[in-house]
């Protein structure tokens, strides 16, 4: 699926959306602590955690694609 244009439009909207910006600030604030905790895990557990997070992000992406389809 060609999603380049809608992703660009969504990214531009996000730059100006107060709720998105608030969520982004929270993620940025929590990221150092997350990375610190992640670094204490063995490599296999890190990879498993990363794979799970990626799968969740892909699920959200799939839902966004459904949301914009007519």
C-alpha atoms as a PDB file:
ATOM      1  CA  UNK A   1       0.000   0.000   0.000  1.00  0.00           C
ATOM      2  CA  UNK A   2       1.259   3.446  -0.904  1.00  0.00           C
ATOM      3  CA  UNK A   3       1.228   5.324   2.380  1.00  0.00           C
ATOM      4  CA  UNK A   4       3.856   7.970   1.811  1.00  0.00           C
ATOM      5  CA  UNK A   5       1.472  10.889   1.309  1.00  0.00           C
ATOM      6  CA  UNK A   6      -0.843  10.172   4.221  1.00  0.00           C
ATOM      7  CA  UNK A   7       2.135   9.601   6.501  1.00  0.00           C
ATOM      8  CA  UNK A   8       3.529  13.004   5.504  1.00  0.00           C
ATOM      9  CA  UNK A   9       0.163  14.643   6.159  1.00  0.00           C
ATOM     10  CA  UNK A  10      -0.216  12.868   9.488  1.00  0.00           C
ATOM     11  CA  UNK A  11       3.298  13.877  10.549  1.00  0.00           C
ATOM     12  CA  UNK A  12       2.549  17.499   9.713  1.00  0.00           C
ATOM     13  CA  UNK A  13      -0.698  17.409  11.710  1.00  0.00           C
ATOM     14  CA  UNK A  14       1.099  15.826  14.661  1.00  0.00           C
ATOM     15  CA  UNK A  15       3.580  18.703  14.779  1.00  0.00           C
ATOM     16  CA  UNK A  16       0.715  21.059  15.599  1.00  0.00           C
ATOM     17  CA  UNK A  17      -1.526  18.823  17.710  1.00  0.00           C
ATOM     18  CA  UNK A  18      -1.355  19.650  21.429  1.00  0.00           C
ATOM     19  CA  UNK A  19      -2.317  16.148  22.605  1.00  0.00           C
ATOM     20  CA  UNK A  20       0.239  14.476  20.347  1.00  0.00           C
ATOM     21  CA  UNK A  21       2.927  16.888  21.496  1.00  0.00           C
ATOM     22  CA  UNK A  22       2.044  16.172  25.137  1.00  0.00           C
ATOM     23  CA  UNK A  23       2.338  12.422  24.501  1.00  0.00           C
ATOM     24  CA  UNK A  24       5.633  12.939  22.695  1.00  0.00           C
ATOM     25  CA  UNK A  25       7.033  14.887  25.650  1.00  0.00           C
ATOM     26  CA  UNK A  26       6.032  12.042  27.986  1.00  0.00           C
ATOM     27  CA  UNK A  27       7.740   9.464  25.773  1.00  0.00           C
ATOM     28  CA  UNK A  28      10.890  11.573  25.614  1.00  0.00           C
ATOM     29  CA  UNK A  29      10.880  11.983  29.403  1.00  0.00           C
ATOM     30  CA  UNK A  30      10.476   8.244  30.015  1.00  0.00           C
ATOM     31  CA  UNK A  31      12.875   7.052  27.314  1.00  0.00           C
ATOM     32  CA  UNK A  32      16.135   7.422  29.293  1.00  0.00           C
ATOM     33  CA  UNK A  33      14.703   5.376  32.171  1.00  0.00           C
ATOM     34  CA  UNK A  34      13.379   2.758  29.757  1.00  0.00           C
ATOM     35  CA  UNK A  35      16.754   2.477  28.034  1.00  0.00           C
ATOM     36  CA  UNK A  36      18.484   2.184  31.394  1.00  0.00           C
ATOM     37  CA  UNK A  37      16.202  -0.677  32.456  1.00  0.00           C
ATOM     38  CA  UNK A  38      16.499  -2.322  29.014  1.00  0.00           C
ATOM     39  CA  UNK A  39      20.291  -2.211  29.204  1.00  0.00           C
ATOM     40  CA  UNK A  40      20.228  -4.313  32.368  1.00  0.00           C
ATOM     41  CA  UNK A  41      18.583  -7.210  30.517  1.00  0.00           C
ATOM     42  CA  UNK A  42      20.435  -9.996  28.742  1.00  0.00           C
ATOM     43  CA  UNK A  43      20.628  -9.552  24.951  1.00  0.00           C
ATOM     44  CA  UNK A  44      17.949 -12.160  24.188  1.00  0.00           C
ATOM     45  CA  UNK A  45      15.493 -10.456  26.528  1.00  0.00           C
ATOM     46  CA  UNK A  46      16.322  -7.077  24.989  1.00  0.00           C
ATOM     47  CA  UNK A  47      15.592  -8.462  21.526  1.00  0.00           C
ATOM     48  CA  UNK A  48      12.333 -10.010  22.740  1.00  0.00           C
ATOM     49  CA  UNK A  49      11.258  -6.729  24.317  1.00  0.00           C
ATOM     50  CA  UNK A  50      12.187  -4.813  21.152  1.00  0.00           C
ATOM     51  CA  UNK A  51      10.265  -7.292  18.984  1.00  0.00           C
ATOM     52  CA  UNK A  52       7.179  -6.955  21.171  1.00  0.00           C
ATOM     53  CA  UNK A  53       7.286  -3.149  21.059  1.00  0.00           C
ATOM     54  CA  UNK A  54       7.742  -3.235  17.276  1.00  0.00           C
ATOM     55  CA  UNK A  55       4.779  -5.585  16.912  1.00  0.00           C
ATOM     56  CA  UNK A  56       2.630  -3.208  18.985  1.00  0.00           C
ATOM     57  CA  UNK A  57       3.703  -0.277  16.813  1.00  0.00           C
ATOM     58  CA  UNK A  58       2.856  -2.238  13.648  1.00  0.00           C
ATOM     59  CA  UNK A  59      -0.552  -3.064  15.108  1.00  0.00           C
ATOM     60  CA  UNK A  60      -1.186   0.646  15.710  1.00  0.00           C
ATOM     61  CA  UNK A  61      -0.017   1.394  12.162  1.00  0.00           C
ATOM     62  CA  UNK A  62      -2.406  -1.229  10.768  1.00  0.00           C
ATOM     63  CA  UNK A  63      -5.261   0.356  12.711  1.00  0.00           C
ATOM     64  CA  UNK A  64      -4.386   3.793  11.325  1.00  0.00           C
ATOM     65  CA  UNK A  65      -4.453   2.374   7.793  1.00  0.00           C
ATOM     66  CA  UNK A  66      -7.928   0.951   8.475  1.00  0.00           C
ATOM     67  CA  UNK A  67      -9.047   4.292   9.915  1.00  0.00           C
ATOM     68  CA  UNK A  68      -8.198   6.203   6.752  1.00  0.00           C
ATOM     69  CA  UNK A  69      -9.678   3.687   4.328  1.00  0.00           C
ATOM     70  CA  UNK A  70     -13.091   4.520   2.931  1.00  0.00           C
END
